[in-house]
Amino acid sequence: MKNSKFVFDKITKLFEQGLISSRDLTKEIVTILKSKRDEIVFKMKLTSKDEFEILTKRVENLEKRIEKLNPQKKERTKRVKKS
């Protein structure tokens, strides 16, 4: 019984170390992928979500100003004579 407990303890320690190393490995992979993603975004000169929202608000405000300055002309429809 004592020998089986010793073997069982050794197996559980190996299993725990395997889980810890696999967790560390997954964390490392995730950090590598995030850094690569950030590099790609930087190279493409993409904006962040906050900057994008600010820019869309600015565009909306400019569109409103343009509409106020240039009132829409009523378009007249031409009637076609039937022959």
PDB file of N, CA and C in Angstrom:
ATOM      1  N   MET A   1       0.826  -1.193   0.000  1.00  0.00           N
ATOM      2  CA  MET A   1       0.000   0.000   0.000  1.00  0.00           C
ATOM      3  C   MET A   1       0.867   1.252   0.000  1.00  0.00           C
ATOM      4  N   LYS A   2       1.941   1.202   0.753  1.00  0.00           N
ATOM      5  CA  LYS A   2       2.835   2.339   0.827  1.00  0.00           C
ATOM      6  C   LYS A   2       3.489   2.622  -0.524  1.00  0.00           C
ATOM      7  N   ASN A   3       3.829   1.588  -1.248  1.00  0.00           N
ATOM      8  CA  ASN A   3       4.444   1.748  -2.566  1.00  0.00           C
ATOM      9  C   ASN A   3       3.463   2.336  -3.571  1.00  0.00           C
ATOM     10  N   SER A   4       2.213   1.901  -3.499  1.00  0.00           N
ATOM     11  CA  SER A   4       1.226   2.424  -4.451  1.00  0.00           C
ATOM     12  C   SER A   4       0.937   3.900  -4.167  1.00  0.00           C
ATOM     13  N   LYS A   5       0.959   4.279  -2.873  1.00  0.00           N
ATOM     14  CA  LYS A   5       0.744   5.686  -2.532  1.00  0.00           C
ATOM     15  C   LYS A   5       1.901   6.529  -3.061  1.00  0.00           C
ATOM     16  N   PHE A   6       3.114   6.028  -2.958  1.00  0.00           N
ATOM     17  CA  PHE A   6       4.283   6.733  -3.463  1.00  0.00           C
ATOM     18  C   PHE A   6       4.188   6.926  -4.977  1.00  0.00           C
ATOM     19  N   VAL A   7       3.829   5.878  -5.680  1.00  0.00           N
ATOM     20  CA  VAL A   7       3.688   5.958  -7.140  1.00  0.00           C
ATOM     21  C   VAL A   7       2.567   6.913  -7.513  1.00  0.00           C
ATOM     22  N   PHE A   8       1.472   6.829  -6.773  1.00  0.00           N
ATOM     23  CA  PHE A   8       0.333   7.699  -7.054  1.00  0.00           C
ATOM     24  C   PHE A   8       0.721   9.164  -6.837  1.00  0.00           C
ATOM     25  N   ASP A   9       1.463   9.459  -5.762  1.00  0.00           N
ATOM     26  CA  ASP A   9       1.913  10.833  -5.503  1.00  0.00           C
ATOM     27  C   ASP A   9       2.823  11.337  -6.617  1.00  0.00           C
ATOM     28  N   LYS A  10       3.718  10.490  -7.080  1.00  0.00           N
ATOM     29  CA  LYS A  10       4.615  10.886  -8.165  1.00  0.00           C
ATOM     30  C   LYS A  10       3.842  11.183  -9.449  1.00  0.00           C
ATOM     31  N   ILE A  11       2.854  10.347  -9.729  1.00  0.00           N
ATOM     32  CA  ILE A  11       2.046  10.546 -10.942  1.00  0.00           C
ATOM     33  C   ILE A  11       1.247  11.837 -10.841  1.00  0.00           C
ATOM     34  N   THR A  12       0.675  12.108  -9.671  1.00  0.00           N
ATOM     35  CA  THR A  12      -0.101  13.348  -9.518  1.00  0.00           C
ATOM     36  C   THR A  12       0.795  14.576  -9.630  1.00  0.00           C
ATOM     37  N   LYS A  13       2.023  14.509  -9.097  1.00  0.00           N
ATOM     38  CA  LYS A  13       2.954  15.640  -9.223  1.00  0.00           C
ATOM     39  C   LYS A  13       3.317  15.884 -10.680  1.00  0.00           C
ATOM     40  N   LEU A  14       3.557  14.805 -11.412  1.00  0.00           N
ATOM     41  CA  LEU A  14       3.855  14.959 -12.839  1.00  0.00           C
ATOM     42  C   LEU A  14       2.676  15.565 -13.588  1.00  0.00           C
ATOM     43  N   PHE A  15       1.481  15.102 -13.226  1.00  0.00           N
ATOM     44  CA  PHE A  15       0.271  15.609 -13.869  1.00  0.00           C
ATOM     45  C   PHE A  15       0.094  17.097 -13.566  1.00  0.00           C
ATOM     46  N   GLU A  16       0.304  17.503 -12.292  1.00  0.00           N
ATOM     47  CA  GLU A  16       0.185  18.912 -11.917  1.00  0.00           C
ATOM     48  C   GLU A  16       1.204  19.766 -12.652  1.00  0.00           C
ATOM     49  N   GLN A  17       2.426  19.290 -12.751  1.00  0.00           N
ATOM     50  CA  GLN A  17       3.465  20.034 -13.457  1.00  0.00           C
ATOM     51  C   GLN A  17       3.133  20.151 -14.938  1.00  0.00           C
ATOM     52  N   GLY A  18       2.536  19.111 -15.483  1.00  0.00           N
ATOM     53  CA  GLY A  18       2.118  19.158 -16.885  1.00  0.00           C
ATOM     54  C   GLY A  18       1.040  20.190 -17.115  1.00  0.00           C
ATOM     55  N   LEU A  19       0.078  20.281 -16.176  1.00  0.00           N
ATOM     56  CA  LEU A  19      -0.981  21.283 -16.302  1.00  0.00           C
ATOM     57  C   LEU A  19      -0.414  22.690 -16.180  1.00  0.00           C
ATOM     58  N   ILE A  20       0.479  22.862 -15.238  1.00  0.00           N
ATOM     59  CA  ILE A  20       1.061  24.189 -15.055  1.00  0.00           C
ATOM     60  C   ILE A  20       1.863  24.595 -16.284  1.00  0.00           C
ATOM     61  N   SER A  21       2.645  23.678 -16.802  1.00  0.00           N
ATOM     62  CA  SER A  21       3.438  24.018 -17.980  1.00  0.00           C
ATOM     63  C   SER A  21       2.548  24.259 -19.201  1.00  0.00           C
ATOM     64  N   SER A  22       1.452  23.510 -19.310  1.00  0.00           N
ATOM     65  CA  SER A  22       0.559  23.737 -20.447  1.00  0.00           C
ATOM     66  C   SER A  22      -0.157  25.074 -20.307  1.00  0.00           C
ATOM     67  N   ARG A  23      -0.499  25.465 -19.083  1.00  0.00           N
ATOM     68  CA  ARG A  23      -1.113  26.783 -18.876  1.00  0.00           C
ATOM     69  C   ARG A  23      -0.126  27.879 -19.232  1.00  0.00           C
ATOM     70  N   ASP A  24       1.111  27.711 -18.782  1.00  0.00           N
ATOM     71  CA  ASP A  24       2.137  28.694 -19.112  1.00  0.00           C
ATOM     72  C   ASP A  24       2.342  28.769 -20.622  1.00  0.00           C
ATOM     73  N   LEU A  25       2.312  27.624 -21.248  1.00  0.00           N
ATOM     74  CA  LEU A  25       2.493  27.582 -22.687  1.00  0.00           C
ATOM     75  C   LEU A  25       1.355  28.302 -23.399  1.00  0.00           C
ATOM     76  N   THR A  26       0.119  28.075 -22.973  1.00  0.00           N
ATOM     77  CA  THR A  26      -1.022  28.743 -23.608  1.00  0.00           C
ATOM     78  C   THR A  26      -0.972  30.249 -23.357  1.00  0.00           C
ATOM     79  N   LYS A  27      -0.577  30.660 -22.147  1.00  0.00           N
ATOM     80  CA  LYS A  27      -0.463  32.096 -21.875  1.00  0.00           C
ATOM     81  C   LYS A  27       0.600  32.728 -22.761  1.00  0.00           C
ATOM     82  N   GLU A  28       1.695  32.032 -22.926  1.00  0.00           N
ATOM     83  CA  GLU A  28       2.776  32.546 -23.762  1.00  0.00           C
ATOM     84  C   GLU A  28       2.339  32.667 -25.220  1.00  0.00           C
ATOM     85  N   ILE A  29       1.606  31.668 -25.705  1.00  0.00           N
ATOM     86  CA  ILE A  29       1.112  31.710 -27.087  1.00  0.00           C
ATOM     87  C   ILE A  29       0.141  32.871 -27.272  1.00  0.00           C
ATOM     88  N   VAL A  30      -0.731  33.069 -26.286  1.00  0.00           N
ATOM     89  CA  VAL A  30      -1.703  34.159 -26.379  1.00  0.00           C
ATOM     90  C   VAL A  30      -0.987  35.508 -26.400  1.00  0.00           C
ATOM     91  N   THR A  31       0.009  35.690 -25.562  1.00  0.00           N
ATOM     92  CA  THR A  31       0.733  36.963 -25.548  1.00  0.00           C
ATOM     93  C   THR A  31       1.490  37.185 -26.854  1.00  0.00           C
ATOM     94  N   ILE A  32       2.049  36.128 -27.411  1.00  0.00           N
ATOM     95  CA  ILE A  32       2.742  36.251 -28.695  1.00  0.00           C
ATOM     96  C   ILE A  32       1.764  36.667 -29.796  1.00  0.00           C
ATOM     97  N   LEU A  33       0.600  36.022 -29.814  1.00  0.00           N
ATOM     98  CA  LEU A  33      -0.404  36.355 -30.832  1.00  0.00           C
ATOM     99  C   LEU A  33      -0.901  37.795 -30.680  1.00  0.00           C
ATOM    100  N   LYS A  34      -1.101  38.241 -29.436  1.00  0.00           N
ATOM    101  CA  LYS A  34      -1.548  39.614 -29.220  1.00  0.00           C
ATOM    102  C   LYS A  34      -0.505  40.617 -29.684  1.00  0.00           C
ATOM    103  N   SER A  35       0.755  40.329 -29.409  1.00  0.00           N
ATOM    104  CA  SER A  35       1.798  41.255 -29.835  1.00  0.00           C
ATOM    105  C   SER A  35       1.900  41.297 -31.359  1.00  0.00           C
ATOM    106  N   LYS A  36       1.752  40.150 -32.013  1.00  0.00           N
ATOM    107  CA  LYS A  36       1.771  40.121 -33.481  1.00  0.00           C
ATOM    108  C   LYS A  36       0.594  40.906 -34.047  1.00  0.00           C
ATOM    109  N   ARG A  37      -0.582  40.754 -33.417  1.00  0.00           N
ATOM    110  CA  ARG A  37      -1.760  41.498 -33.854  1.00  0.00           C
ATOM    111  C   ARG A  37      -1.518  42.994 -33.739  1.00  0.00           C
ATOM    112  N   ASP A  38      -0.928  43.417 -32.611  1.00  0.00           N
ATOM    113  CA  ASP A  38      -0.644  44.836 -32.417  1.00  0.00           C
ATOM    114  C   ASP A  38       0.357  45.354 -33.449  1.00  0.00           C
ATOM    115  N   GLU A  39       1.343  44.547 -33.783  1.00  0.00           N
ATOM    116  CA  GLU A  39       2.309  44.944 -34.801  1.00  0.00           C
ATOM    117  C   GLU A  39       1.636  45.129 -36.156  1.00  0.00           C
ATOM    118  N   ILE A  40       0.754  44.218 -36.504  1.00  0.00           N
ATOM    119  CA  ILE A  40       0.049  44.300 -37.789  1.00  0.00           C
ATOM    120  C   ILE A  40      -0.833  45.542 -37.828  1.00  0.00           C
ATOM    121  N   VAL A  41      -1.547  45.808 -36.744  1.00  0.00           N
ATOM    122  CA  VAL A  41      -2.411  46.986 -36.684  1.00  0.00           C
ATOM    123  C   VAL A  41      -1.573  48.255 -36.807  1.00  0.00           C
ATOM    124  N   PHE A  42      -0.431  48.274 -36.153  1.00  0.00           N
ATOM    125  CA  PHE A  42       0.438  49.447 -36.233  1.00  0.00           C
ATOM    126  C   PHE A  42       0.964  49.650 -37.652  1.00  0.00           C
ATOM    127  N   LYS A  43       1.347  48.560 -38.308  1.00  0.00           N
ATOM    128  CA  LYS A  43       1.862  48.671 -39.669  1.00  0.00           C
ATOM    129  C   LYS A  43       0.787  49.142 -40.646  1.00  0.00           C
ATOM    130  N   MET A  44      -0.446  48.708 -40.418  1.00  0.00           N
ATOM    131  CA  MET A  44      -1.537  49.094 -41.319  1.00  0.00           C
ATOM    132  C   MET A  44      -2.069  50.484 -40.995  1.00  0.00           C
ATOM    133  N   LYS A  45      -1.595  51.065 -39.909  1.00  0.00           N
ATOM    134  CA  LYS A  45      -2.013  52.400 -39.459  1.00  0.00           C
ATOM    135  C   LYS A  45      -3.516  52.471 -39.247  1.00  0.00           C
ATOM    136  N   LEU A  46      -4.055  51.450 -38.608  1.00  0.00           N
ATOM    137  CA  LEU A  46      -5.477  51.424 -38.284  1.00  0.00           C
ATOM    138  C   LEU A  46      -5.726  52.224 -37.016  1.00  0.00           C
ATOM    139  N   THR A  47      -6.935  52.738 -36.886  1.00  0.00           N
ATOM    140  CA  THR A  47      -7.275  53.497 -35.699  1.00  0.00           C
ATOM    141  C   THR A  47      -7.882  52.584 -34.653  1.00  0.00           C
ATOM    142  N   SER A  48      -7.825  53.034 -33.423  1.00  0.00           N
ATOM    143  CA  SER A  48      -8.444  52.261 -32.348  1.00  0.00           C
ATOM    144  C   SER A  48      -9.945  52.515 -32.367  1.00  0.00           C
ATOM    145  N   LYS A  49     -10.675  51.787 -31.560  1.00  0.00           N
ATOM    146  CA  LYS A  49     -12.125  51.910 -31.526  1.00  0.00           C
ATOM    147  C   LYS A  49     -12.533  53.308 -31.054  1.00  0.00           C
ATOM    148  N   ASP A  50     -11.835  53.821 -30.036  1.00  0.00           N
ATOM    149  CA  ASP A  50     -12.154  55.150 -29.523  1.00  0.00           C
ATOM    150  C   ASP A  50     -11.916  56.221 -30.577  1.00  0.00           C
ATOM    151  N   GLU A  51     -10.795  56.133 -31.266  1.00  0.00           N
ATOM    152  CA  GLU A  51     -10.497  57.105 -32.316  1.00  0.00           C
ATOM    153  C   GLU A  51     -11.517  57.019 -33.439  1.00  0.00           C
ATOM    154  N   PHE A  52     -11.934  55.812 -33.772  1.00  0.00           N
ATOM    155  CA  PHE A  52     -12.926  55.627 -34.835  1.00  0.00           C
ATOM    156  C   PHE A  52     -14.256  56.277 -34.462  1.00  0.00           C
ATOM    157  N   GLU A  53     -14.683  56.110 -33.211  1.00  0.00           N
ATOM    158  CA  GLU A  53     -15.942  56.708 -32.771  1.00  0.00           C
ATOM    159  C   GLU A  53     -15.864  58.229 -32.813  1.00  0.00           C
ATOM    160  N   ILE A  54     -14.725  58.783 -32.407  1.00  0.00           N
ATOM    161  CA  ILE A  54     -14.550  60.235 -32.446  1.00  0.00           C
ATOM    162  C   ILE A  54     -14.612  60.733 -33.883  1.00  0.00           C
ATOM    163  N   LEU A  55     -13.949  60.018 -34.788  1.00  0.00           N
ATOM    164  CA  LEU A  55     -13.956  60.427 -36.192  1.00  0.00           C
ATOM    165  C   LEU A  55     -15.350  60.344 -36.802  1.00  0.00           C
ATOM    166  N   THR A  56     -16.123  59.314 -36.459  1.00  0.00           N
ATOM    167  CA  THR A  56     -17.483  59.213 -37.004  1.00  0.00           C
ATOM    168  C   THR A  56     -18.357  60.344 -36.489  1.00  0.00           C
ATOM    169  N   LYS A  57     -18.184  60.734 -35.227  1.00  0.00           N
ATOM    170  CA  LYS A  57     -18.952  61.865 -34.692  1.00  0.00           C
ATOM    171  C   LYS A  57     -18.594  63.154 -35.406  1.00  0.00           C
ATOM    172  N   ARG A  58     -17.318  63.336 -35.701  1.00  0.00           N
ATOM    173  CA  ARG A  58     -16.898  64.526 -36.428  1.00  0.00           C
ATOM    174  C   ARG A  58     -17.506  64.573 -37.822  1.00  0.00           C
ATOM    175  N   VAL A  59     -17.507  63.433 -38.482  1.00  0.00           N
ATOM    176  CA  VAL A  59     -18.087  63.371 -39.832  1.00  0.00           C
ATOM    177  C   VAL A  59     -19.576  63.668 -39.779  1.00  0.00           C
ATOM    178  N   GLU A  60     -20.277  63.125 -38.790  1.00  0.00           N
ATOM    179  CA  GLU A  60     -21.708  63.394 -38.661  1.00  0.00           C
ATOM    180  C   GLU A  60     -21.964  64.883 -38.444  1.00  0.00           C
ATOM    181  N   ASN A  61     -21.165  65.509 -37.597  1.00  0.00           N
ATOM    182  CA  ASN A  61     -21.329  66.941 -37.352  1.00  0.00           C
ATOM    183  C   ASN A  61     -21.075  67.748 -38.624  1.00  0.00           C
ATOM    184  N   LEU A  62     -20.058  67.371 -39.385  1.00  0.00           N
ATOM    185  CA  LEU A  62     -19.780  68.073 -40.636  1.00  0.00           C
ATOM    186  C   LEU A  62     -20.905  67.894 -41.645  1.00  0.00           C
ATOM    187  N   GLU A  63     -21.476  66.711 -41.695  1.00  0.00           N
ATOM    188  CA  GLU A  63     -22.602  66.475 -42.613  1.00  0.00           C
ATOM    189  C   GLU A  63     -23.795  67.333 -42.224  1.00  0.00           C
ATOM    190  N   LYS A  64     -24.045  67.474 -40.940  1.00  0.00           N
ATOM    191  CA  LYS A  64     -25.152  68.324 -40.487  1.00  0.00           C
ATOM    192  C   LYS A  64     -24.917  69.780 -40.874  1.00  0.00           C
ATOM    193  N   ARG A  65     -23.684  70.247 -40.724  1.00  0.00           N
ATOM    194  CA  ARG A  65     -23.363  71.624 -41.109  1.00  0.00           C
ATOM    195  C   ARG A  65     -23.556  71.840 -42.600  1.00  0.00           C
ATOM    196  N   ILE A  66     -23.149  70.882 -43.400  1.00  0.00           N
ATOM    197  CA  ILE A  66     -23.304  70.986 -44.849  1.00  0.00           C
ATOM    198  C   ILE A  66     -24.775  71.055 -45.214  1.00  0.00           C
ATOM    199  N   GLU A  67     -25.595  70.235 -44.565  1.00  0.00           N
ATOM    200  CA  GLU A  67     -27.034  70.252 -44.856  1.00  0.00           C
ATOM    201  C   GLU A  67     -27.653  71.592 -44.491  1.00  0.00           C
ATOM    202  N   LYS A  68     -27.182  72.209 -43.407  1.00  0.00           N
ATOM    203  CA  LYS A  68     -27.719  73.511 -43.017  1.00  0.00           C
ATOM    204  C   LYS A  68     -27.308  74.592 -44.007  1.00  0.00           C
ATOM    205  N   LEU A  69     -26.087  74.519 -44.523  1.00  0.00           N
ATOM    206  CA  LEU A  69     -25.610  75.531 -45.449  1.00  0.00           C
ATOM    207  C   LEU A  69     -26.216  75.385 -46.836  1.00  0.00           C
ATOM    208  N   ASN A  70     -26.419  74.176 -47.263  1.00  0.00           N
ATOM    209  CA  ASN A  70     -26.985  73.924 -48.583  1.00  0.00           C
ATOM    210  C   ASN A  70     -28.367  73.292 -48.433  1.00  0.00           C
ATOM    211  N   PRO A  71     -29.396  74.121 -48.448  1.00  0.00           N
ATOM    212  CA  PRO A  71     -30.734  73.515 -48.346  1.00  0.00           C
ATOM    213  C   PRO A  71     -31.026  72.677 -49.585  1.00  0.00           C
ATOM    214  N   GLN A  72     -31.688  71.615 -49.344  1.00  0.00           N
ATOM    215  CA  GLN A  72     -31.976  70.713 -50.458  1.00  0.00           C
ATOM    216  C   GLN A  72     -32.987  71.347 -51.393  1.00  0.00           C
ATOM    217  N   LYS A  73     -32.675  71.251 -52.664  1.00  0.00           N
ATOM    218  CA  LYS A  73     -33.597  71.752 -53.678  1.00  0.00           C
ATOM    219  C   LYS A  73     -34.599  70.659 -53.983  1.00  0.00           C
ATOM    220  N   LYS A  74     -35.808  71.072 -54.169  1.00  0.00           N
ATOM    221  CA  LYS A  74     -36.819  70.094 -54.523  1.00  0.00           C
ATOM    222  C   LYS A  74     -36.607  69.670 -55.960  1.00  0.00           C
ATOM    223  N   GLU A  75     -36.531  68.413 -56.116  1.00  0.00           N
ATOM    224  CA  GLU A  75     -36.336  67.898 -57.463  1.00  0.00           C
ATOM    225  C   GLU A  75     -37.688  67.793 -58.152  1.00  0.00           C
ATOM    226  N   ARG A  76     -37.734  68.306 -59.364  1.00  0.00           N
ATOM    227  CA  ARG A  76     -38.971  68.215 -60.138  1.00  0.00           C
ATOM    228  C   ARG A  76     -38.880  66.993 -61.026  1.00  0.00           C
ATOM    229  N   THR A  77     -39.939  66.303 -61.067  1.00  0.00           N
ATOM    230  CA  THR A  77     -39.979  65.132 -61.949  1.00  0.00           C
ATOM    231  C   THR A  77     -40.567  65.559 -63.271  1.00  0.00           C
ATOM    232  N   LYS A  78     -39.966  65.071 -64.314  1.00  0.00           N
ATOM    233  CA  LYS A  78     -40.439  65.408 -65.661  1.00  0.00           C
ATOM    234  C   LYS A  78     -41.467  64.377 -66.082  1.00  0.00           C
ATOM    235  N   ARG A  79     -42.531  64.874 -66.660  1.00  0.00           N
ATOM    236  CA  ARG A  79     -43.551  63.980 -67.161  1.00  0.00           C
ATOM    237  C   ARG A  79     -43.292  63.709 -68.633  1.00  0.00           C
ATOM    238  N   VAL A  80     -43.406  62.478 -68.952  1.00  0.00           N
ATOM    239  CA  VAL A  80     -43.185  62.096 -70.327  1.00  0.00           C
ATOM    240  C   VAL A  80     -44.534  62.031 -71.022  1.00  0.00           C
ATOM    241  N   LYS A  81     -44.606  62.623 -72.224  1.00  0.00           N
ATOM    242  CA  LYS A  81     -45.864  62.596 -72.969  1.00  0.00           C
ATOM    243  C   LYS A  81     -46.014  61.245 -73.640  1.00  0.00           C
ATOM    244  N   LYS A  82     -47.187  60.739 -73.558  1.00  0.00           N
ATOM    245  CA  LYS A  82     -47.476  59.473 -74.232  1.00  0.00           C
ATOM    246  C   LYS A  82     -47.794  59.744 -75.683  1.00  0.00           C
ATOM    247  N   SER A  83     -47.307  58.913 -76.550  1.00  0.00           N
ATOM    248  CA  SER A  83     -47.586  59.119 -77.948  1.00  0.00           C
ATOM    249  C   SER A  83     -48.624  58.172 -78.459  1.00  0.00           C
TER     250      SER A  83
END
